[in-house]
Amino acid sequence: MTRRSYKKPHRAKKVKPLVAKASFWRAVFGVSAVGGMMWLVCFSPALEVKEIKVSGTEKVSDQDCIKLIEDEISKKIAMFDSKSILLFNLDQAKKDILARYPQIQNIKIERQFPSKILASVEERRGVAVFDSGGKKYLIDAAGIGFQEAADVTGLLVISDSRDRDITIGAQVLSKELLSGILRMKGNMTESAEIETTAAIVATPERVNLQTTEGWYVYFNPLKDIDSQLSKLVAVLKDDSFKSKRTNLEYVDIRFTRVYLKEKNIQ
C-alpha cells in the first residue's frame, strides 16, 4: 500500500495596516511632540520678546543698547522670523555691548518671562585724566581710558614721558600705579593742605606731583605712601621750610632723607 503525504496548504499572512500599528502612532506622537515643542520654543507669540528695558545709562544712550539687544534677539529659522525669549543669547548680547561701548564697565542682562528683557548698566566713572601729546582721556579706577575728555575740571591730569596713541577701552595706567597717585594726592590735600593739579610719571619709581604753588613733590608709588607722606608733613611744619617755599622747585620724599631744591635765581 502506497503512503501519501499531504502538505498543509499555505495561507498568506494578513498584513496589518500601517495606521493600525501602535509603533506608527507612537512615531506620529513623538514627531508631533517634538514639532510642537520646537514651535513653542521658536515661534510662540506667548514667548516672543515684546519689551526691553535698560537702566543705569548716562554716557550711553538707552536706545543704542536696546538696538544691540534686539539684533541678538531677532533670528531667522527656516525662513521664518523668531524673537523667542528662550533663544536669546544673554552672554553674546553682553559681549557685543561691552565691545561697542568702552564707557560701560559692566552690564547685567536677564530674562523676565514671558516676554521682557531687563538690562542694568554700570558705566565707568572718570577718576583722573590722562594727557598724551595734548589729547586728553578720561580714565577709570582700573586705569582704563574710556573716552576723550572735553572738560577736565576737578580731575587730576596725569601724563608720562611718552607721546602714545591711546586706544579707547585699553589700559592706560596700571591700577596699582593710578591708585598710588590718587592716594598720595588725596592724603596731601587732607593731611598737608596742599592741592595738586597734575602728575607726571617720570619712571615707574618716581611720580612728580605738581602743586598749585608751582613746586613738585617727588614720590615713589611702589613704596609705602603713608611713610613718604609723614616725611613731607614733617618738612612742611619745619620753620626753615617757610622761607624756601616761595622759591621751591621740588621736594623729594622717596628716600630716607628728604631732599629740597630751590629754583636758581638769576
C-alpha atoms as a PDB file:
ATOM      1  CA  MET A   1       0.000   0.000   0.000  1.00  0.00           C
ATOM      2  CA  THR A   2       1.429   3.318  -1.096  1.00  0.00           C
ATOM      3  CA  ARG A   3       1.636   6.010   1.544  1.00  0.00           C
ATOM      4  CA  ARG A   4       0.814   9.505   0.520  1.00  0.00           C
ATOM      5  CA  SER A   5       1.941  12.689   2.276  1.00  0.00           C
ATOM      6  CA  TYR A   6      -0.119  15.790   2.356  1.00  0.00           C
ATOM      7  CA  LYS A   7       1.178  19.357   2.926  1.00  0.00           C
ATOM      8  CA  LYS A   8      -0.856  21.855   4.833  1.00  0.00           C
ATOM      9  CA  PRO A   9      -1.970  24.429   2.327  1.00  0.00           C
ATOM     10  CA  HIS A  10      -0.024  27.779   2.785  1.00  0.00           C
ATOM     11  CA  ARG A  11      -2.152  30.639   3.862  1.00  0.00           C
ATOM     12  CA  ALA A  12      -0.900  34.206   3.203  1.00  0.00           C
ATOM     13  CA  LYS A  13      -0.397  36.164   6.424  1.00  0.00           C
ATOM     14  CA  LYS A  14      -2.722  39.079   6.646  1.00  0.00           C
ATOM     15  CA  VAL A  15      -0.715  42.356   6.628  1.00  0.00           C
ATOM     16  CA  LYS A  16      -1.769  44.768   9.319  1.00  0.00           C
ATOM     17  CA  PRO A  17      -2.440  48.293   8.002  1.00  0.00           C
ATOM     18  CA  LEU A  18       0.193  50.881   8.976  1.00  0.00           C
ATOM     19  CA  VAL A  19      -2.373  53.034  10.715  1.00  0.00           C
ATOM     20  CA  ALA A  20      -3.323  50.103  12.873  1.00  0.00           C
ATOM     21  CA  LYS A  21       0.172  49.665  14.214  1.00  0.00           C
ATOM     22  CA  ALA A  22       0.944  51.056  17.681  1.00  0.00           C
ATOM     23  CA  SER A  23       4.511  51.869  16.601  1.00  0.00           C
ATOM     24  CA  PHE A  24       3.150  54.137  13.865  1.00  0.00           C
ATOM     25  CA  TRP A  25       1.105  56.184  16.309  1.00  0.00           C
ATOM     26  CA  ARG A  26       3.976  56.321  18.739  1.00  0.00           C
ATOM     27  CA  ALA A  27       6.141  57.772  15.975  1.00  0.00           C
ATOM     28  CA  VAL A  28       3.413  60.237  14.975  1.00  0.00           C
ATOM     29  CA  PHE A  29       3.026  61.307  18.584  1.00  0.00           C
ATOM     30  CA  GLY A  30       6.787  61.697  19.003  1.00  0.00           C
ATOM     31  CA  VAL A  31       7.185  63.794  15.847  1.00  0.00           C
ATOM     32  CA  SER A  32       4.184  65.923  16.790  1.00  0.00           C
ATOM     33  CA  ALA A  33       5.511  66.464  20.296  1.00  0.00           C
ATOM     34  CA  VAL A  34       8.955  67.479  19.007  1.00  0.00           C
ATOM     35  CA  GLY A  35       7.415  69.731  16.365  1.00  0.00           C
ATOM     36  CA  GLY A  36       5.095  71.310  18.897  1.00  0.00           C
ATOM     37  CA  MET A  37       7.952  71.875  21.293  1.00  0.00           C
ATOM     38  CA  MET A  38      10.078  73.454  18.552  1.00  0.00           C
ATOM     39  CA  TRP A  39       7.223  75.733  17.564  1.00  0.00           C
ATOM     40  CA  LEU A  40       6.701  76.708  21.200  1.00  0.00           C
ATOM     41  CA  VAL A  41      10.391  77.484  21.677  1.00  0.00           C
ATOM     42  CA  CYS A  42      10.916  79.296  18.374  1.00  0.00           C
ATOM     43  CA  PHE A  43       7.654  80.908  17.336  1.00  0.00           C
ATOM     44  CA  SER A  44       5.140  81.014  20.160  1.00  0.00           C
ATOM     45  CA  PRO A  45       3.683  84.557  20.472  1.00  0.00           C
ATOM     46  CA  ALA A  46       3.482  83.995  24.230  1.00  0.00           C
ATOM     47  CA  LEU A  47       7.305  83.734  24.423  1.00  0.00           C
ATOM     48  CA  GLU A  48       8.120  86.499  21.962  1.00  0.00           C
ATOM     49  CA  VAL A  49      10.138  89.407  23.381  1.00  0.00           C
ATOM     50  CA  LYS A  50       7.859  92.435  23.407  1.00  0.00           C
ATOM     51  CA  GLU A  51       9.672  94.781  25.798  1.00  0.00           C
ATOM     52  CA  ILE A  52      13.309  95.683  26.523  1.00  0.00           C
ATOM     53  CA  LYS A  53      14.229  97.964  29.424  1.00  0.00           C
ATOM     54  CA  VAL A  54      17.704  99.418  30.035  1.00  0.00           C
ATOM     55  CA  SER A  55      18.633 101.293  33.222  1.00  0.00           C
ATOM     56  CA  GLY A  56      21.756 102.983  34.595  1.00  0.00           C
ATOM     57  CA  THR A  57      22.920 104.787  31.452  1.00  0.00           C
ATOM     58  CA  GLU A  58      24.226 108.345  31.366  1.00  0.00           C
ATOM     59  CA  LYS A  59      27.047 108.457  28.820  1.00  0.00           C
ATOM     60  CA  VAL A  60      25.494 105.822  26.546  1.00  0.00           C
ATOM     61  CA  SER A  61      22.027 106.027  25.010  1.00  0.00           C
ATOM     62  CA  ASP A  62      19.392 103.533  26.190  1.00  0.00           C
ATOM     63  CA  GLN A  63      18.306 103.113  22.583  1.00  0.00           C
ATOM     64  CA  ASP A  64      21.813 102.126  21.462  1.00  0.00           C
ATOM     65  CA  CYS A  65      21.853  99.282  23.984  1.00  0.00           C
ATOM     66  CA  ILE A  66      18.299  98.264  23.099  1.00  0.00           C
ATOM     67  CA  LYS A  67      19.244  98.103  19.404  1.00  0.00           C
ATOM     68  CA  LEU A  68      22.110  95.678  20.077  1.00  0.00           C
ATOM     69  CA  ILE A  69      19.874  93.507  22.268  1.00  0.00           C
ATOM     70  CA  GLU A  70      17.185  93.482  19.565  1.00  0.00           C
ATOM     71  CA  ASP A  71      19.772  92.407  16.979  1.00  0.00           C
ATOM     72  CA  GLU A  72      20.674  89.412  19.137  1.00  0.00           C
ATOM     73  CA  ILE A  73      17.023  88.540  19.767  1.00  0.00           C
ATOM     74  CA  SER A  74      15.947  88.588  16.099  1.00  0.00           C
ATOM     75  CA  LYS A  75      16.701  85.331  14.303  1.00  0.00           C
ATOM     76  CA  LYS A  76      15.810  83.598  11.013  1.00  0.00           C
ATOM     77  CA  ILE A  77      14.778  79.962  11.417  1.00  0.00           C
ATOM     78  CA  ALA A  78      13.814  78.071   8.260  1.00  0.00           C
ATOM     79  CA  MET A  79      12.846  81.323   6.511  1.00  0.00           C
ATOM     80  CA  PHE A  80      10.671  82.374   9.452  1.00  0.00           C
ATOM     81  CA  ASP A  81      11.336  85.245  11.857  1.00  0.00           C
ATOM     82  CA  SER A  82      11.774  84.446  15.538  1.00  0.00           C
ATOM     83  CA  LYS A  83      12.055  86.695  18.579  1.00  0.00           C
ATOM     84  CA  SER A  84      11.848  83.971  21.168  1.00  0.00           C
ATOM     85  CA  ILE A  85      12.966  84.856  24.672  1.00  0.00           C
ATOM     86  CA  LEU A  86      14.226  81.266  25.043  1.00  0.00           C
ATOM     87  CA  LEU A  87      16.650  81.584  22.105  1.00  0.00           C
ATOM     88  CA  PHE A  88      18.037  84.940  23.230  1.00  0.00           C
ATOM     89  CA  ASN A  89      21.782  84.606  23.962  1.00  0.00           C
ATOM     90  CA  LEU A  90      22.402  86.795  27.023  1.00  0.00           C
ATOM     91  CA  ASP A  91      26.174  86.277  27.062  1.00  0.00           C
ATOM     92  CA  GLN A  92      26.597  87.251  23.416  1.00  0.00           C
ATOM     93  CA  ALA A  93      24.476  90.383  23.846  1.00  0.00           C
ATOM     94  CA  LYS A  94      26.629  91.376  26.830  1.00  0.00           C
ATOM     95  CA  LYS A  95      29.845  90.842  24.835  1.00  0.00           C
ATOM     96  CA  ASP A  96      28.505  92.915  21.921  1.00  0.00           C
ATOM     97  CA  ILE A  97      27.545  95.844  24.149  1.00  0.00           C
ATOM     98  CA  LEU A  98      30.822  95.867  26.110  1.00  0.00           C
ATOM     99  CA  ALA A  99      32.823  95.692  22.866  1.00  0.00           C
ATOM    100  CA  ARG A 100      30.856  98.536  21.277  1.00  0.00           C
ATOM    101  CA  TYR A 101      30.793 100.899  24.254  1.00  0.00           C
ATOM    102  CA  PRO A 102      34.010 101.185  26.330  1.00  0.00           C
ATOM    103  CA  GLN A 103      32.160 103.646  28.600  1.00  0.00           C
ATOM    104  CA  ILE A 104      30.285 100.662  30.027  1.00  0.00           C
ATOM    105  CA  GLN A 105      32.180  98.757  32.700  1.00  0.00           C
ATOM    106  CA  ASN A 106      29.610  96.000  33.156  1.00  0.00           C
ATOM    107  CA  ILE A 107      26.066  95.132  32.140  1.00  0.00           C
ATOM    108  CA  LYS A 108      23.676  92.636  33.676  1.00  0.00           C
ATOM    109  CA  ILE A 109      21.038  91.213  31.327  1.00  0.00           C
ATOM    110  CA  GLU A 110      18.232  88.924  32.412  1.00  0.00           C
ATOM    111  CA  ARG A 111      15.015  87.425  31.108  1.00  0.00           C
ATOM    112  CA  GLN A 112      11.717  88.260  32.754  1.00  0.00           C
ATOM    113  CA  PHE A 113       9.271  85.694  31.479  1.00  0.00           C
ATOM    114  CA  PRO A 114       7.273  85.530  29.408  1.00  0.00           C
ATOM    115  CA  SER A 115       8.279  88.461  27.154  1.00  0.00           C
ATOM    116  CA  LYS A 116      10.563  91.042  28.776  1.00  0.00           C
ATOM    117  CA  ILE A 117      14.335  91.642  28.786  1.00  0.00           C
ATOM    118  CA  LEU A 118      15.872  93.751  31.564  1.00  0.00           C
ATOM    119  CA  ALA A 119      19.386  95.233  31.349  1.00  0.00           C
ATOM    120  CA  SER A 120      21.201  97.110  34.110  1.00  0.00           C
ATOM    121  CA  VAL A 121      24.253  99.126  33.042  1.00  0.00           C
ATOM    122  CA  GLU A 122      27.259 100.076  35.184  1.00  0.00           C
ATOM    123  CA  GLU A 123      29.183 102.848  33.468  1.00  0.00           C
ATOM    124  CA  ARG A 124      32.807 103.726  34.058  1.00  0.00           C
ATOM    125  CA  ARG A 125      33.479 106.754  36.260  1.00  0.00           C
ATOM    126  CA  GLY A 126      36.346 109.076  35.456  1.00  0.00           C
ATOM    127  CA  VAL A 127      38.745 109.443  38.408  1.00  0.00           C
ATOM    128  CA  ALA A 128      41.540 111.200  36.507  1.00  0.00           C
ATOM    129  CA  VAL A 129      42.537 112.440  33.070  1.00  0.00           C
ATOM    130  CA  PHE A 130      45.446 111.094  31.037  1.00  0.00           C
ATOM    131  CA  ASP A 131      47.199 113.555  28.731  1.00  0.00           C
ATOM    132  CA  SER A 132      49.050 112.101  25.760  1.00  0.00           C
ATOM    133  CA  GLY A 133      50.518 114.655  23.394  1.00  0.00           C
ATOM    134  CA  GLY A 134      47.812 117.180  24.198  1.00  0.00           C
ATOM    135  CA  LYS A 135      44.932 114.741  23.746  1.00  0.00           C
ATOM    136  CA  LYS A 136      43.111 114.036  26.985  1.00  0.00           C
ATOM    137  CA  TYR A 137      41.240 110.893  28.005  1.00  0.00           C
ATOM    138  CA  LEU A 138      39.079 110.055  30.979  1.00  0.00           C
ATOM    139  CA  ILE A 139      40.388 107.037  32.895  1.00  0.00           C
ATOM    140  CA  ASP A 140      38.533 104.981  35.491  1.00  0.00           C
ATOM    141  CA  ALA A 141      39.814 103.486  38.749  1.00  0.00           C
ATOM    142  CA  ALA A 142      41.194 100.479  36.861  1.00  0.00           C
ATOM    143  CA  GLY A 143      43.323 102.724  34.600  1.00  0.00           C
ATOM    144  CA  ILE A 144      41.133 102.155  31.519  1.00  0.00           C
ATOM    145  CA  GLY A 145      40.878 105.077  29.085  1.00  0.00           C
ATOM    146  CA  PHE A 146      37.228 105.005  28.086  1.00  0.00           C
ATOM    147  CA  GLN A 147      36.544 108.304  26.293  1.00  0.00           C
ATOM    148  CA  GLU A 148      38.140 111.547  25.193  1.00  0.00           C
ATOM    149  CA  ALA A 149      37.895 114.263  27.825  1.00  0.00           C
ATOM    150  CA  ALA A 150      36.427 117.604  26.843  1.00  0.00           C
ATOM    151  CA  ASP A 151      36.142 119.026  30.360  1.00  0.00           C
ATOM    152  CA  VAL A 152      38.824 118.139  32.927  1.00  0.00           C
ATOM    153  CA  THR A 153      37.680 120.425  35.742  1.00  0.00           C
ATOM    154  CA  GLY A 154      38.345 118.964  39.175  1.00  0.00           C
ATOM    155  CA  LEU A 155      40.254 115.896  37.980  1.00  0.00           C
ATOM    156  CA  LEU A 156      43.972 115.273  38.276  1.00  0.00           C
ATOM    157  CA  VAL A 157      45.753 115.388  34.905  1.00  0.00           C
ATOM    158  CA  ILE A 158      48.344 112.607  34.554  1.00  0.00           C
ATOM    159  CA  SER A 159      50.979 112.284  31.839  1.00  0.00           C
ATOM    160  CA  ASP A 160      54.206 110.414  31.209  1.00  0.00           C
ATOM    161  CA  SER A 161      57.300 110.822  29.062  1.00  0.00           C
ATOM    162  CA  ARG A 162      55.790 109.014  26.086  1.00  0.00           C
ATOM    163  CA  ASP A 163      53.516 110.512  23.446  1.00  0.00           C
ATOM    164  CA  ARG A 164      51.445 107.489  22.584  1.00  0.00           C
ATOM    165  CA  ASP A 165      48.260 106.772  20.709  1.00  0.00           C
ATOM    166  CA  ILE A 166      45.588 105.818  23.204  1.00  0.00           C
ATOM    167  CA  THR A 167      43.131 103.114  22.208  1.00  0.00           C
ATOM    168  CA  ILE A 168      39.725 103.747  23.725  1.00  0.00           C
ATOM    169  CA  GLY A 169      38.888 100.872  26.077  1.00  0.00           C
ATOM    170  CA  ALA A 170      42.542  99.901  26.650  1.00  0.00           C
ATOM    171  CA  GLN A 171      44.683 100.033  29.795  1.00  0.00           C
ATOM    172  CA  VAL A 172      46.417 103.417  30.041  1.00  0.00           C
ATOM    173  CA  LEU A 173      47.915 103.120  33.538  1.00  0.00           C
ATOM    174  CA  SER A 174      48.182 100.129  35.840  1.00  0.00           C
ATOM    175  CA  LYS A 175      45.550 100.021  38.550  1.00  0.00           C
ATOM    176  CA  GLU A 176      48.242  99.959  41.248  1.00  0.00           C
ATOM    177  CA  LEU A 177      50.098 102.994  39.866  1.00  0.00           C
ATOM    178  CA  LEU A 178      46.925 105.029  39.491  1.00  0.00           C
ATOM    179  CA  SER A 179      45.782 104.065  42.988  1.00  0.00           C
ATOM    180  CA  GLY A 180      49.119 105.196  44.453  1.00  0.00           C
ATOM    181  CA  ILE A 181      48.981 108.560  42.664  1.00  0.00           C
ATOM    182  CA  LEU A 182      45.413 109.286  43.722  1.00  0.00           C
ATOM    183  CA  ARG A 183      46.066 108.187  47.285  1.00  0.00           C
ATOM    184  CA  MET A 184      49.087 110.478  47.548  1.00  0.00           C
ATOM    185  CA  LYS A 185      47.135 113.387  46.087  1.00  0.00           C
ATOM    186  CA  GLY A 186      44.245 112.833  48.495  1.00  0.00           C
ATOM    187  CA  ASN A 187      46.491 112.483  51.534  1.00  0.00           C
ATOM    188  CA  MET A 188      48.422 115.628  50.629  1.00  0.00           C
ATOM    189  CA  THR A 189      45.174 117.568  50.490  1.00  0.00           C
ATOM    190  CA  GLU A 190      43.836 116.130  53.734  1.00  0.00           C
ATOM    191  CA  SER A 191      46.985 115.997  55.868  1.00  0.00           C
ATOM    192  CA  ALA A 192      49.177 118.754  54.439  1.00  0.00           C
ATOM    193  CA  GLU A 193      46.546 121.036  52.878  1.00  0.00           C
ATOM    194  CA  ILE A 194      48.441 121.031  49.596  1.00  0.00           C
ATOM    195  CA  GLU A 195      46.402 120.928  46.404  1.00  0.00           C
ATOM    196  CA  THR A 196      47.818 119.253  43.308  1.00  0.00           C
ATOM    197  CA  THR A 197      46.893 119.889  39.697  1.00  0.00           C
ATOM    198  CA  ALA A 198      48.955 117.408  37.693  1.00  0.00           C
ATOM    199  CA  ALA A 199      51.068 114.272  37.957  1.00  0.00           C
ATOM    200  CA  ILE A 200      53.958 113.266  35.721  1.00  0.00           C
ATOM    201  CA  VAL A 201      55.046 109.613  35.681  1.00  0.00           C
ATOM    202  CA  ALA A 202      58.790 110.158  35.182  1.00  0.00           C
ATOM    203  CA  THR A 203      59.705 106.492  35.850  1.00  0.00           C
ATOM    204  CA  PRO A 204      57.900 103.536  37.464  1.00  0.00           C
ATOM    205  CA  GLU A 205      59.589 104.575  40.727  1.00  0.00           C
ATOM    206  CA  ARG A 206      59.094 108.328  40.507  1.00  0.00           C
ATOM    207  CA  VAL A 207      55.961 110.394  40.118  1.00  0.00           C
ATOM    208  CA  ASN A 208      56.094 114.197  40.183  1.00  0.00           C
ATOM    209  CA  LEU A 209      53.008 115.762  41.705  1.00  0.00           C
ATOM    210  CA  GLN A 210      52.670 119.432  40.755  1.00  0.00           C
ATOM    211  CA  THR A 211      51.213 121.659  43.462  1.00  0.00           C
ATOM    212  CA  THR A 212      49.066 124.723  42.903  1.00  0.00           C
ATOM    213  CA  GLU A 213      52.021 126.756  44.231  1.00  0.00           C
ATOM    214  CA  GLY A 214      54.105 125.596  41.268  1.00  0.00           C
ATOM    215  CA  TRP A 215      56.595 123.287  43.003  1.00  0.00           C
ATOM    216  CA  TYR A 216      56.660 119.484  42.805  1.00  0.00           C
ATOM    217  CA  VAL A 217      56.608 116.580  45.223  1.00  0.00           C
ATOM    218  CA  TYR A 218      58.632 113.577  44.028  1.00  0.00           C
ATOM    219  CA  PHE A 219      57.417 110.282  45.496  1.00  0.00           C
ATOM    220  CA  ASN A 220      57.694 106.568  44.802  1.00  0.00           C
ATOM    221  CA  PRO A 221      54.277 104.940  44.154  1.00  0.00           C
ATOM    222  CA  LEU A 222      55.806 101.497  44.764  1.00  0.00           C
ATOM    223  CA  LYS A 223      56.832 102.325  48.332  1.00  0.00           C
ATOM    224  CA  ASP A 224      54.750 102.968  51.429  1.00  0.00           C
ATOM    225  CA  ILE A 225      52.647 106.082  50.780  1.00  0.00           C
ATOM    226  CA  ASP A 226      51.989 106.845  54.452  1.00  0.00           C
ATOM    227  CA  SER A 227      55.696 106.832  55.307  1.00  0.00           C
ATOM    228  CA  GLN A 228      56.535 109.228  52.473  1.00  0.00           C
ATOM    229  CA  LEU A 229      53.647 111.500  53.397  1.00  0.00           C
ATOM    230  CA  SER A 230      54.784 111.646  57.021  1.00  0.00           C
ATOM    231  CA  LYS A 231      58.183 112.907  55.876  1.00  0.00           C
ATOM    232  CA  LEU A 232      56.534 115.560  53.716  1.00  0.00           C
ATOM    233  CA  VAL A 233      54.328 116.785  56.566  1.00  0.00           C
ATOM    234  CA  ALA A 234      57.351 116.994  58.867  1.00  0.00           C
ATOM    235  CA  VAL A 235      59.188 119.148  56.323  1.00  0.00           C
ATOM    236  CA  LEU A 236      56.201 121.450  55.845  1.00  0.00           C
ATOM    237  CA  LYS A 237      55.985 122.078  59.589  1.00  0.00           C
ATOM    238  CA  ASP A 238      59.658 122.967  59.842  1.00  0.00           C
ATOM    239  CA  ASP A 239      60.168 126.706  60.278  1.00  0.00           C
ATOM    240  CA  SER A 240      63.075 126.795  57.838  1.00  0.00           C
ATOM    241  CA  PHE A 241      60.820 125.479  55.057  1.00  0.00           C
ATOM    242  CA  LYS A 242      58.610 128.578  55.074  1.00  0.00           C
ATOM    243  CA  SER A 243      61.370 130.822  53.742  1.00  0.00           C
ATOM    244  CA  LYS A 244      62.146 128.350  50.935  1.00  0.00           C
ATOM    245  CA  ARG A 245      58.540 127.632  49.912  1.00  0.00           C
ATOM    246  CA  THR A 246      58.084 130.598  47.582  1.00  0.00           C
ATOM    247  CA  ASN A 247      61.226 129.733  45.624  1.00  0.00           C
ATOM    248  CA  LEU A 248      60.952 125.949  45.726  1.00  0.00           C
ATOM    249  CA  GLU A 249      61.446 123.686  42.713  1.00  0.00           C
ATOM    250  CA  TYR A 250      60.737 120.305  44.305  1.00  0.00           C
ATOM    251  CA  VAL A 251      60.635 118.209  47.487  1.00  0.00           C
ATOM    252  CA  ASP A 252      61.881 114.643  47.046  1.00  0.00           C
ATOM    253  CA  ILE A 253      60.438 112.271  49.670  1.00  0.00           C
ATOM    254  CA  ARG A 254      61.419 108.965  48.061  1.00  0.00           C
ATOM    255  CA  PHE A 255      64.397 108.245  50.276  1.00  0.00           C
ATOM    256  CA  THR A 256      65.214 108.055  53.965  1.00  0.00           C
ATOM    257  CA  ARG A 257      66.332 111.654  53.821  1.00  0.00           C
ATOM    258  CA  VAL A 258      64.151 114.380  52.285  1.00  0.00           C
ATOM    259  CA  TYR A 259      65.763 116.483  49.555  1.00  0.00           C
ATOM    260  CA  LEU A 260      64.693 120.016  48.675  1.00  0.00           C
ATOM    261  CA  LYS A 261      65.773 122.018  45.650  1.00  0.00           C
ATOM    262  CA  GLU A 262      65.226 125.709  45.209  1.00  0.00           C
ATOM    263  CA  LYS A 263      64.972 127.487  41.884  1.00  0.00           C
ATOM    264  CA  ASN A 264      68.023 129.266  40.587  1.00  0.00           C
ATOM    265  CA  ILE A 265      67.555 132.997  40.941  1.00  0.00           C
ATOM    266  CA  GLN A 266      69.155 134.965  38.133  1.00  0.00           C
END
